[in-house]
Amino acid sequence: MLLIMECYLIRHAETNLNKEKVLQGWADAELSEDGVMQAERLRGTLPPWPLFTSDLQRAVNTARLLALPGQKVQPDARLREIDVGEWQGMSKAHLEGSSLWQEYQSSPATFRFPGGESLKDLQMRMLGAFHDYRMRYSQIIMVSHHLALKSLLCHFQGWTLDRIHTINIPNTAIIRVRITDESSHVQIEQILSNH
């Protein structure tokens, strides 16, 4: 079995909006004090591979805090979180009673955020970036976001996006993905959570 690619997927560190259970989408939220400590604890635990990150500040700041000296942080807008459109900045508590929220929970694969993206849009954007990296590198690190990473994991597992809510990725969790030549076999392993 020949290893074709190995990748560490990392969810950005905690923000104050994460603590408040607010949908961030493309908002540029700062890391909380706990989030800064979470990211700093990752420094030195990862290899010095090419490091790609969403261009949103919570991901860029996480990547900068965990990067080794001399390790270049490379922002890529394709690694952004889903565009939640009109829901950006709204709390989950405010949305939970609505019929649209119920639709999102029960049929995520076909749901489009009002004025924003669908999970399929997000997954295609993430896969486009991942495949570009795969053509150029055999080992990478990607810092991204909750739904963005969950959409990739659904693809790697061969699951429909209707299963996306069954996956949980805590802030600064590290997931190792290994792709081999054996029928495009993918191994996924959560190796570290700071919680």
N, C-alpha and C. Protein backbone atom coordinates (compact mmCIF):
# COMPACT_ATOMS: atom_id res chain seq x y z
N MET A 1 0.85 -1.18 0.00
CA MET A 1 0.00 0.00 0.00
C MET A 1 0.90 1.24 0.00
N LEU A 2 0.80 2.03 -1.06
CA LEU A 2 1.63 3.21 -1.23
C LEU A 2 0.89 4.45 -0.73
N LEU A 3 1.53 5.21 0.16
CA LEU A 3 0.94 6.44 0.67
C LEU A 3 1.07 7.52 -0.39
N ILE A 4 -0.05 8.10 -0.80
CA ILE A 4 -0.05 9.14 -1.81
C ILE A 4 -0.03 10.53 -1.18
N MET A 5 -0.80 10.70 -0.12
CA MET A 5 -0.85 12.01 0.54
C MET A 5 -1.21 11.85 2.01
N GLU A 6 -0.61 12.70 2.81
CA GLU A 6 -0.95 12.78 4.23
C GLU A 6 -1.25 14.23 4.56
N CYS A 7 -2.32 14.45 5.30
CA CYS A 7 -2.76 15.81 5.58
C CYS A 7 -3.25 15.90 7.02
N TYR A 8 -2.90 16.98 7.69
CA TYR A 8 -3.47 17.29 8.99
C TYR A 8 -4.51 18.39 8.79
N LEU A 9 -5.75 18.11 9.18
CA LEU A 9 -6.83 19.09 9.13
C LEU A 9 -7.02 19.61 10.55
N ILE A 10 -7.05 20.92 10.69
CA ILE A 10 -7.17 21.54 12.01
C ILE A 10 -8.28 22.58 11.99
N ARG A 11 -9.17 22.48 12.96
CA ARG A 11 -10.18 23.53 13.11
C ARG A 11 -9.56 24.69 13.88
N HIS A 12 -9.87 25.91 13.46
CA HIS A 12 -9.33 27.10 14.12
C HIS A 12 -9.63 27.08 15.62
N ALA A 13 -8.86 27.86 16.35
CA ALA A 13 -9.05 27.97 17.80
C ALA A 13 -10.33 28.73 18.13
N GLU A 14 -10.72 28.64 19.39
CA GLU A 14 -11.99 29.23 19.84
C GLU A 14 -12.01 30.75 19.71
N THR A 15 -13.18 31.26 19.31
CA THR A 15 -13.43 32.70 19.31
C THR A 15 -14.49 33.00 20.38
N ASN A 16 -14.64 34.28 20.70
CA ASN A 16 -15.71 34.64 21.63
C ASN A 16 -17.08 34.31 21.05
N LEU A 17 -17.22 34.42 19.72
CA LEU A 17 -18.49 34.08 19.08
C LEU A 17 -18.78 32.59 19.16
N ASN A 18 -17.73 31.74 19.14
CA ASN A 18 -17.94 30.31 19.38
C ASN A 18 -18.55 30.10 20.76
N LYS A 19 -18.00 30.77 21.76
CA LYS A 19 -18.48 30.63 23.13
C LYS A 19 -19.94 31.07 23.25
N GLU A 20 -20.31 32.10 22.48
CA GLU A 20 -21.67 32.64 22.53
C GLU A 20 -22.62 31.89 21.59
N LYS A 21 -22.11 30.88 20.87
CA LYS A 21 -22.90 30.08 19.93
C LYS A 21 -23.56 30.95 18.86
N VAL A 22 -22.73 31.82 18.27
CA VAL A 22 -23.15 32.71 17.19
C VAL A 22 -22.60 32.18 15.88
N LEU A 23 -23.42 32.19 14.82
CA LEU A 23 -22.96 31.76 13.51
C LEU A 23 -22.02 32.82 12.94
N GLN A 24 -20.78 32.42 12.65
CA GLN A 24 -19.77 33.37 12.22
C GLN A 24 -19.69 33.51 10.71
N GLY A 25 -19.84 32.40 9.99
CA GLY A 25 -19.73 32.47 8.54
C GLY A 25 -18.43 33.13 8.13
N TRP A 26 -18.54 34.19 7.34
CA TRP A 26 -17.35 34.89 6.84
C TRP A 26 -16.95 36.07 7.72
N ALA A 27 -17.55 36.21 8.89
CA ALA A 27 -17.18 37.30 9.81
C ALA A 27 -15.75 37.10 10.28
N ASP A 28 -15.05 38.20 10.49
CA ASP A 28 -13.67 38.14 10.97
C ASP A 28 -13.65 38.24 12.49
N ALA A 29 -13.88 37.14 13.15
CA ALA A 29 -13.90 37.10 14.61
C ALA A 29 -12.49 36.87 15.15
N GLU A 30 -12.19 37.54 16.25
CA GLU A 30 -10.90 37.37 16.91
C GLU A 30 -10.93 36.13 17.81
N LEU A 31 -9.76 35.57 18.07
CA LEU A 31 -9.65 34.45 18.99
C LEU A 31 -9.90 34.93 20.42
N SER A 32 -10.54 34.08 21.21
CA SER A 32 -10.70 34.36 22.63
C SER A 32 -9.36 34.11 23.33
N GLU A 33 -9.27 34.48 24.60
CA GLU A 33 -8.05 34.19 25.37
C GLU A 33 -7.79 32.69 25.41
N ASP A 34 -8.85 31.91 25.63
CA ASP A 34 -8.71 30.45 25.61
C ASP A 34 -8.26 29.97 24.24
N GLY A 35 -8.80 30.59 23.19
CA GLY A 35 -8.43 30.21 21.83
C GLY A 35 -6.95 30.42 21.55
N VAL A 36 -6.41 31.54 22.02
CA VAL A 36 -4.97 31.80 21.85
C VAL A 36 -4.17 30.71 22.55
N MET A 37 -4.57 30.34 23.76
CA MET A 37 -3.85 29.28 24.49
C MET A 37 -3.99 27.93 23.78
N GLN A 38 -5.18 27.64 23.23
CA GLN A 38 -5.38 26.39 22.48
C GLN A 38 -4.39 26.30 21.32
N ALA A 39 -4.31 27.38 20.54
CA ALA A 39 -3.43 27.38 19.37
C ALA A 39 -1.96 27.29 19.78
N GLU A 40 -1.58 28.01 20.82
CA GLU A 40 -0.19 27.97 21.28
C GLU A 40 0.21 26.57 21.74
N ARG A 41 -0.75 25.82 22.32
CA ARG A 41 -0.44 24.46 22.77
C ARG A 41 -0.15 23.53 21.59
N LEU A 42 -0.61 23.89 20.40
CA LEU A 42 -0.34 23.04 19.22
C LEU A 42 1.06 23.24 18.66
N ARG A 43 1.67 24.39 18.95
CA ARG A 43 3.00 24.68 18.39
C ARG A 43 3.98 23.57 18.78
N GLY A 44 4.66 23.06 17.78
CA GLY A 44 5.65 22.01 18.01
C GLY A 44 5.09 20.61 17.95
N THR A 45 3.76 20.46 17.82
CA THR A 45 3.17 19.12 17.75
C THR A 45 3.00 18.64 16.31
N LEU A 46 3.22 19.53 15.35
CA LEU A 46 3.00 19.21 13.94
C LEU A 46 4.30 19.30 13.16
N PRO A 47 4.41 18.57 12.06
CA PRO A 47 5.62 18.63 11.25
C PRO A 47 5.70 19.94 10.47
N PRO A 48 6.88 20.28 9.94
CA PRO A 48 7.06 21.54 9.21
C PRO A 48 6.60 21.46 7.75
N TRP A 49 5.42 20.96 7.53
CA TRP A 49 4.88 20.80 6.17
C TRP A 49 4.28 22.12 5.68
N PRO A 50 4.02 22.22 4.37
CA PRO A 50 3.32 23.41 3.86
C PRO A 50 2.02 23.62 4.65
N LEU A 51 1.79 24.87 5.06
CA LEU A 51 0.69 25.21 5.96
C LEU A 51 -0.27 26.17 5.26
N PHE A 52 -1.45 25.65 4.94
CA PHE A 52 -2.48 26.44 4.28
C PHE A 52 -3.59 26.75 5.28
N THR A 53 -4.18 27.93 5.15
CA THR A 53 -5.23 28.33 6.08
C THR A 53 -6.29 29.14 5.36
N SER A 54 -7.50 29.07 5.87
CA SER A 54 -8.54 30.00 5.47
C SER A 54 -8.00 31.41 5.65
N ASP A 55 -8.49 32.34 4.83
CA ASP A 55 -8.03 33.73 4.96
C ASP A 55 -8.80 34.51 6.03
N LEU A 56 -9.76 33.87 6.69
CA LEU A 56 -10.46 34.55 7.79
C LEU A 56 -9.55 34.62 9.01
N GLN A 57 -9.61 35.74 9.74
CA GLN A 57 -8.64 36.02 10.80
C GLN A 57 -8.56 34.94 11.88
N ARG A 58 -9.68 34.33 12.24
CA ARG A 58 -9.62 33.31 13.30
C ARG A 58 -8.78 32.12 12.87
N ALA A 59 -8.78 31.80 11.58
CA ALA A 59 -7.96 30.71 11.08
C ALA A 59 -6.52 31.16 10.87
N VAL A 60 -6.32 32.34 10.28
CA VAL A 60 -4.97 32.86 10.07
C VAL A 60 -4.24 33.00 11.40
N ASN A 61 -4.91 33.56 12.40
CA ASN A 61 -4.27 33.72 13.71
C ASN A 61 -3.95 32.38 14.36
N THR A 62 -4.83 31.40 14.18
CA THR A 62 -4.54 30.05 14.68
C THR A 62 -3.30 29.50 14.00
N ALA A 63 -3.25 29.62 12.68
CA ALA A 63 -2.11 29.10 11.92
C ALA A 63 -0.81 29.78 12.33
N ARG A 64 -0.85 31.09 12.50
CA ARG A 64 0.37 31.82 12.91
C ARG A 64 0.85 31.38 14.30
N LEU A 65 -0.10 31.13 15.20
CA LEU A 65 0.28 30.72 16.55
C LEU A 65 0.84 29.31 16.61
N LEU A 66 0.39 28.43 15.72
CA LEU A 66 0.89 27.05 15.77
C LEU A 66 2.08 26.81 14.85
N ALA A 67 2.35 27.76 13.95
CA ALA A 67 3.45 27.60 12.98
C ALA A 67 4.81 27.56 13.68
N LEU A 68 5.68 26.76 13.13
CA LEU A 68 7.06 26.71 13.61
C LEU A 68 7.82 27.91 13.07
N PRO A 69 8.92 28.31 13.71
CA PRO A 69 9.72 29.41 13.18
C PRO A 69 10.12 29.13 11.72
N GLY A 70 9.87 30.09 10.85
CA GLY A 70 10.21 29.93 9.44
C GLY A 70 9.15 29.22 8.61
N GLN A 71 8.14 28.66 9.24
CA GLN A 71 7.08 27.96 8.50
C GLN A 71 6.11 29.01 7.95
N LYS A 72 5.98 29.04 6.63
CA LYS A 72 5.15 30.04 5.97
C LYS A 72 3.67 29.69 6.10
N VAL A 73 2.86 30.67 6.51
CA VAL A 73 1.41 30.52 6.59
C VAL A 73 0.83 31.05 5.28
N GLN A 74 0.10 30.19 4.55
CA GLN A 74 -0.40 30.53 3.22
C GLN A 74 -1.93 30.60 3.22
N PRO A 75 -2.51 31.82 3.29
CA PRO A 75 -3.97 31.97 3.29
C PRO A 75 -4.58 31.60 1.93
N ASP A 76 -5.75 31.00 1.97
CA ASP A 76 -6.48 30.60 0.77
C ASP A 76 -7.97 30.79 1.05
N ALA A 77 -8.62 31.68 0.31
CA ALA A 77 -10.04 31.99 0.53
C ALA A 77 -10.93 30.77 0.31
N ARG A 78 -10.47 29.77 -0.43
CA ARG A 78 -11.29 28.57 -0.66
C ARG A 78 -11.48 27.76 0.62
N LEU A 79 -10.64 27.99 1.63
CA LEU A 79 -10.73 27.25 2.89
C LEU A 79 -11.63 27.94 3.92
N ARG A 80 -12.33 28.99 3.48
CA ARG A 80 -13.24 29.70 4.39
C ARG A 80 -14.38 28.81 4.85
N GLU A 81 -15.01 29.24 5.95
CA GLU A 81 -16.23 28.60 6.42
C GLU A 81 -17.34 28.86 5.40
N ILE A 82 -18.43 28.14 5.53
CA ILE A 82 -19.57 28.35 4.66
C ILE A 82 -20.09 29.78 4.83
N ASP A 83 -20.55 30.37 3.74
CA ASP A 83 -21.18 31.68 3.79
C ASP A 83 -22.62 31.47 4.27
N VAL A 84 -22.89 31.87 5.51
CA VAL A 84 -24.23 31.67 6.08
C VAL A 84 -25.17 32.82 5.75
N GLY A 85 -24.72 33.75 4.90
CA GLY A 85 -25.58 34.81 4.40
C GLY A 85 -26.22 35.63 5.49
N GLU A 86 -27.55 35.72 5.45
CA GLU A 86 -28.32 36.55 6.39
C GLU A 86 -28.22 36.06 7.83
N TRP A 87 -27.76 34.84 8.02
CA TRP A 87 -27.66 34.29 9.38
C TRP A 87 -26.36 34.68 10.08
N GLN A 88 -25.43 35.31 9.34
CA GLN A 88 -24.16 35.69 9.96
C GLN A 88 -24.41 36.63 11.14
N GLY A 89 -23.81 36.30 12.27
CA GLY A 89 -23.95 37.11 13.48
C GLY A 89 -25.17 36.77 14.32
N MET A 90 -26.00 35.81 13.86
CA MET A 90 -27.18 35.42 14.63
C MET A 90 -26.83 34.26 15.56
N SER A 91 -27.46 34.25 16.71
CA SER A 91 -27.21 33.16 17.65
C SER A 91 -28.04 31.94 17.27
N LYS A 92 -27.52 30.77 17.60
CA LYS A 92 -28.28 29.54 17.37
C LYS A 92 -29.58 29.57 18.15
N ALA A 93 -29.56 30.12 19.36
CA ALA A 93 -30.77 30.19 20.18
C ALA A 93 -31.86 31.00 19.48
N HIS A 94 -31.48 32.05 18.78
CA HIS A 94 -32.44 32.88 18.05
C HIS A 94 -33.03 32.14 16.86
N LEU A 95 -32.23 31.29 16.22
CA LEU A 95 -32.66 30.61 15.00
C LEU A 95 -33.39 29.29 15.25
N GLU A 96 -33.13 28.65 16.38
CA GLU A 96 -33.59 27.28 16.61
C GLU A 96 -35.09 27.05 16.48
N GLY A 97 -35.91 28.02 16.75
CA GLY A 97 -37.35 27.82 16.64
C GLY A 97 -37.90 27.99 15.24
N SER A 98 -37.08 28.46 14.31
CA SER A 98 -37.58 28.77 12.97
C SER A 98 -37.70 27.52 12.10
N SER A 99 -38.59 27.60 11.12
CA SER A 99 -38.77 26.48 10.19
C SER A 99 -37.53 26.29 9.32
N LEU A 100 -36.83 27.39 8.99
CA LEU A 100 -35.60 27.26 8.20
C LEU A 100 -34.53 26.50 8.97
N TRP A 101 -34.42 26.78 10.27
CA TRP A 101 -33.44 26.05 11.09
C TRP A 101 -33.78 24.57 11.12
N GLN A 102 -35.06 24.25 11.25
CA GLN A 102 -35.49 22.85 11.25
C GLN A 102 -35.16 22.19 9.91
N GLU A 103 -35.35 22.94 8.82
CA GLU A 103 -35.00 22.40 7.49
C GLU A 103 -33.50 22.13 7.40
N TYR A 104 -32.69 23.06 7.91
CA TYR A 104 -31.23 22.87 7.91
C TYR A 104 -30.85 21.63 8.72
N GLN A 105 -31.48 21.42 9.85
CA GLN A 105 -31.17 20.27 10.69
C GLN A 105 -31.62 18.96 10.06
N SER A 106 -32.77 18.95 9.41
CA SER A 106 -33.32 17.70 8.88
C SER A 106 -32.85 17.36 7.47
N SER A 107 -32.52 18.37 6.66
CA SER A 107 -32.12 18.13 5.27
C SER A 107 -30.92 19.00 4.89
N PRO A 108 -29.80 18.84 5.58
CA PRO A 108 -28.66 19.73 5.32
C PRO A 108 -28.12 19.65 3.90
N ALA A 109 -28.21 18.49 3.26
CA ALA A 109 -27.63 18.32 1.92
C ALA A 109 -28.30 19.21 0.88
N THR A 110 -29.55 19.54 1.07
CA THR A 110 -30.27 20.35 0.08
C THR A 110 -30.52 21.78 0.56
N PHE A 111 -30.08 22.10 1.77
CA PHE A 111 -30.34 23.42 2.35
C PHE A 111 -29.36 24.45 1.82
N ARG A 112 -29.88 25.64 1.52
CA ARG A 112 -29.04 26.79 1.19
C ARG A 112 -29.29 27.86 2.24
N PHE A 113 -28.21 28.37 2.84
CA PHE A 113 -28.35 29.44 3.82
C PHE A 113 -28.93 30.67 3.12
N PRO A 114 -29.91 31.34 3.72
CA PRO A 114 -30.54 32.49 3.08
C PRO A 114 -29.50 33.55 2.70
N GLY A 115 -29.36 33.81 1.40
CA GLY A 115 -28.37 34.76 0.92
C GLY A 115 -26.94 34.24 0.96
N GLY A 116 -26.77 32.94 1.18
CA GLY A 116 -25.42 32.37 1.29
C GLY A 116 -25.25 31.12 0.46
N GLU A 117 -24.38 30.24 0.93
CA GLU A 117 -24.02 29.03 0.20
C GLU A 117 -24.82 27.82 0.68
N SER A 118 -24.77 26.78 -0.13
CA SER A 118 -25.25 25.46 0.29
C SER A 118 -24.03 24.65 0.76
N LEU A 119 -24.28 23.56 1.46
CA LEU A 119 -23.18 22.69 1.88
C LEU A 119 -22.48 22.08 0.67
N LYS A 120 -23.20 21.85 -0.42
CA LYS A 120 -22.58 21.31 -1.64
C LYS A 120 -21.62 22.34 -2.23
N ASP A 121 -22.03 23.64 -2.24
CA ASP A 121 -21.13 24.71 -2.69
C ASP A 121 -19.84 24.68 -1.87
N LEU A 122 -20.01 24.60 -0.57
CA LEU A 122 -18.87 24.57 0.35
C LEU A 122 -17.97 23.37 0.07
N GLN A 123 -18.57 22.20 -0.05
CA GLN A 123 -17.80 20.98 -0.27
C GLN A 123 -17.02 21.05 -1.58
N MET A 124 -17.64 21.56 -2.64
CA MET A 124 -16.96 21.68 -3.93
C MET A 124 -15.78 22.65 -3.83
N ARG A 125 -15.96 23.75 -3.12
CA ARG A 125 -14.88 24.73 -2.93
C ARG A 125 -13.73 24.11 -2.16
N MET A 126 -14.03 23.40 -1.08
CA MET A 126 -13.00 22.76 -0.27
C MET A 126 -12.28 21.66 -1.05
N LEU A 127 -13.03 20.85 -1.79
CA LEU A 127 -12.41 19.78 -2.58
C LEU A 127 -11.53 20.35 -3.68
N GLY A 128 -11.94 21.47 -4.28
CA GLY A 128 -11.11 22.11 -5.29
C GLY A 128 -9.75 22.50 -4.73
N ALA A 129 -9.76 23.09 -3.55
CA ALA A 129 -8.49 23.46 -2.90
C ALA A 129 -7.69 22.22 -2.56
N PHE A 130 -8.34 21.22 -1.96
CA PHE A 130 -7.65 20.00 -1.56
C PHE A 130 -7.00 19.32 -2.76
N HIS A 131 -7.71 19.22 -3.87
CA HIS A 131 -7.15 18.56 -5.05
C HIS A 131 -5.99 19.35 -5.64
N ASP A 132 -6.06 20.68 -5.60
CA ASP A 132 -4.93 21.49 -6.05
C ASP A 132 -3.69 21.20 -5.20
N TYR A 133 -3.86 21.14 -3.89
CA TYR A 133 -2.74 20.85 -3.00
C TYR A 133 -2.20 19.45 -3.27
N ARG A 134 -3.10 18.51 -3.49
CA ARG A 134 -2.71 17.11 -3.71
C ARG A 134 -1.85 16.95 -4.97
N MET A 135 -2.09 17.81 -5.96
CA MET A 135 -1.29 17.75 -7.19
C MET A 135 0.13 18.25 -6.96
N ARG A 136 0.33 19.09 -5.95
CA ARG A 136 1.64 19.71 -5.73
C ARG A 136 2.40 19.20 -4.52
N TYR A 137 1.69 18.62 -3.56
CA TYR A 137 2.33 18.23 -2.30
C TYR A 137 1.89 16.83 -1.88
N SER A 138 2.76 16.15 -1.18
CA SER A 138 2.39 14.84 -0.62
C SER A 138 2.05 14.95 0.87
N GLN A 139 2.40 16.09 1.47
CA GLN A 139 2.13 16.30 2.90
C GLN A 139 1.77 17.77 3.12
N ILE A 140 0.63 18.02 3.76
CA ILE A 140 0.21 19.40 4.03
C ILE A 140 -0.51 19.49 5.37
N ILE A 141 -0.65 20.73 5.83
CA ILE A 141 -1.47 21.06 6.99
C ILE A 141 -2.50 22.09 6.51
N MET A 142 -3.76 21.89 6.88
CA MET A 142 -4.83 22.83 6.52
C MET A 142 -5.55 23.29 7.79
N VAL A 143 -5.63 24.60 7.98
CA VAL A 143 -6.40 25.17 9.09
C VAL A 143 -7.67 25.76 8.49
N SER A 144 -8.81 25.28 8.95
CA SER A 144 -10.07 25.74 8.38
C SER A 144 -11.14 25.81 9.47
N HIS A 145 -12.37 25.49 9.12
CA HIS A 145 -13.54 25.76 9.96
C HIS A 145 -14.41 24.52 10.12
N HIS A 146 -15.34 24.60 11.06
CA HIS A 146 -16.17 23.46 11.45
C HIS A 146 -16.90 22.82 10.27
N LEU A 147 -17.82 23.54 9.64
CA LEU A 147 -18.58 22.95 8.54
C LEU A 147 -17.69 22.68 7.33
N ALA A 148 -16.70 23.52 7.10
CA ALA A 148 -15.79 23.31 5.97
C ALA A 148 -15.07 21.96 6.10
N LEU A 149 -14.52 21.69 7.28
CA LEU A 149 -13.81 20.43 7.49
C LEU A 149 -14.78 19.25 7.51
N LYS A 150 -15.95 19.44 8.10
CA LYS A 150 -16.94 18.36 8.13
C LYS A 150 -17.39 17.99 6.71
N SER A 151 -17.46 18.97 5.81
CA SER A 151 -17.84 18.66 4.42
C SER A 151 -16.78 17.80 3.75
N LEU A 152 -15.51 18.08 4.04
CA LEU A 152 -14.42 17.23 3.51
C LEU A 152 -14.50 15.83 4.07
N LEU A 153 -14.72 15.72 5.37
CA LEU A 153 -14.79 14.39 6.00
C LEU A 153 -15.95 13.58 5.45
N CYS A 154 -17.08 14.21 5.18
CA CYS A 154 -18.20 13.49 4.54
C CYS A 154 -17.75 12.91 3.20
N HIS A 155 -17.05 13.71 2.42
CA HIS A 155 -16.56 13.23 1.12
C HIS A 155 -15.60 12.06 1.30
N PHE A 156 -14.62 12.22 2.19
CA PHE A 156 -13.63 11.16 2.39
C PHE A 156 -14.25 9.87 2.90
N GLN A 157 -15.31 9.98 3.69
CA GLN A 157 -15.99 8.79 4.23
C GLN A 157 -16.97 8.19 3.23
N GLY A 158 -17.24 8.90 2.13
CA GLY A 158 -18.22 8.42 1.17
C GLY A 158 -19.65 8.64 1.64
N TRP A 159 -19.83 9.62 2.52
CA TRP A 159 -21.15 9.92 3.08
C TRP A 159 -21.80 11.05 2.31
N THR A 160 -23.15 11.08 2.32
CA THR A 160 -23.86 12.25 1.81
C THR A 160 -23.76 13.36 2.85
N LEU A 161 -24.01 14.57 2.39
CA LEU A 161 -23.97 15.71 3.31
C LEU A 161 -25.09 15.68 4.33
N ASP A 162 -26.08 14.81 4.14
CA ASP A 162 -27.13 14.68 5.16
C ASP A 162 -26.58 14.11 6.47
N ARG A 163 -25.37 13.56 6.44
CA ARG A 163 -24.76 13.02 7.67
C ARG A 163 -23.82 14.02 8.35
N ILE A 164 -23.75 15.24 7.83
CA ILE A 164 -22.78 16.22 8.33
C ILE A 164 -22.97 16.53 9.82
N HIS A 165 -24.20 16.49 10.31
CA HIS A 165 -24.45 16.82 11.72
C HIS A 165 -24.02 15.71 12.67
N THR A 166 -23.63 14.55 12.14
CA THR A 166 -23.16 13.46 13.00
C THR A 166 -21.68 13.60 13.35
N ILE A 167 -21.01 14.56 12.73
CA ILE A 167 -19.58 14.79 12.95
C ILE A 167 -19.42 16.01 13.86
N ASN A 168 -18.53 15.90 14.83
CA ASN A 168 -18.19 17.05 15.66
C ASN A 168 -16.68 17.22 15.66
N ILE A 169 -16.24 18.43 15.41
CA ILE A 169 -14.81 18.74 15.41
C ILE A 169 -14.61 19.91 16.37
N PRO A 170 -14.08 19.66 17.56
CA PRO A 170 -13.85 20.76 18.51
C PRO A 170 -12.79 21.74 17.99
N ASN A 171 -12.79 22.94 18.54
CA ASN A 171 -11.75 23.91 18.18
C ASN A 171 -10.37 23.32 18.46
N THR A 172 -9.47 23.51 17.53
CA THR A 172 -8.07 23.03 17.51
C THR A 172 -7.93 21.51 17.51
N ALA A 173 -8.99 20.79 17.18
CA ALA A 173 -8.84 19.35 16.98
C ALA A 173 -7.97 19.14 15.75
N ILE A 174 -7.16 18.10 15.78
CA ILE A 174 -6.32 17.73 14.64
C ILE A 174 -6.82 16.39 14.12
N ILE A 175 -7.06 16.35 12.82
CA ILE A 175 -7.51 15.12 12.17
C ILE A 175 -6.49 14.77 11.10
N ARG A 176 -5.97 13.55 11.18
CA ARG A 176 -5.00 13.11 10.16
C ARG A 176 -5.74 12.33 9.08
N VAL A 177 -5.50 12.71 7.84
CA VAL A 177 -6.08 12.03 6.69
C VAL A 177 -4.92 11.45 5.88
N ARG A 178 -4.99 10.15 5.60
CA ARG A 178 -3.96 9.48 4.80
C ARG A 178 -4.64 8.85 3.59
N ILE A 179 -4.18 9.23 2.40
CA ILE A 179 -4.74 8.70 1.16
C ILE A 179 -3.70 7.77 0.56
N THR A 180 -4.13 6.54 0.28
CA THR A 180 -3.22 5.55 -0.29
C THR A 180 -3.69 5.16 -1.69
N ASP A 181 -2.85 4.40 -2.37
CA ASP A 181 -3.18 3.97 -3.73
C ASP A 181 -4.15 2.80 -3.75
N GLU A 182 -4.44 2.23 -2.61
CA GLU A 182 -5.29 1.05 -2.53
C GLU A 182 -6.75 1.46 -2.73
N SER A 183 -7.18 1.50 -3.99
CA SER A 183 -8.55 1.90 -4.34
C SER A 183 -8.91 3.26 -3.74
N SER A 184 -7.96 4.18 -3.78
CA SER A 184 -8.17 5.52 -3.21
C SER A 184 -8.61 5.43 -1.75
N HIS A 185 -8.04 4.51 -1.02
CA HIS A 185 -8.40 4.31 0.39
C HIS A 185 -8.00 5.53 1.22
N VAL A 186 -8.90 5.94 2.08
CA VAL A 186 -8.66 7.09 2.94
C VAL A 186 -8.77 6.64 4.39
N GLN A 187 -7.74 6.94 5.18
CA GLN A 187 -7.77 6.67 6.62
C GLN A 187 -7.93 8.01 7.34
N ILE A 188 -8.87 8.07 8.26
CA ILE A 188 -9.12 9.30 9.01
C ILE A 188 -8.98 8.98 10.49
N GLU A 189 -8.24 9.83 11.18
CA GLU A 189 -7.99 9.59 12.60
C GLU A 189 -7.94 10.93 13.33
N GLN A 190 -8.76 11.12 14.35
CA GLN A 190 -8.65 12.31 15.17
C GLN A 190 -7.55 12.02 16.18
N ILE A 191 -6.50 12.84 16.14
CA ILE A 191 -5.35 12.52 16.97
C ILE A 191 -5.18 13.45 18.16
N LEU A 192 -5.82 14.61 18.15
CA LEU A 192 -5.62 15.51 19.28
C LEU A 192 -6.79 16.45 19.41
N SER A 193 -7.23 16.61 20.61
CA SER A 193 -8.22 17.64 20.91
C SER A 193 -7.75 18.34 22.17
N ASN A 194 -7.78 19.65 22.16
CA ASN A 194 -7.34 20.45 23.30
C ASN A 194 -8.40 20.59 24.37
N HIS A 195 -9.43 19.77 24.33
CA HIS A 195 -10.53 19.91 25.30
C HIS A 195 -10.58 18.72 26.21
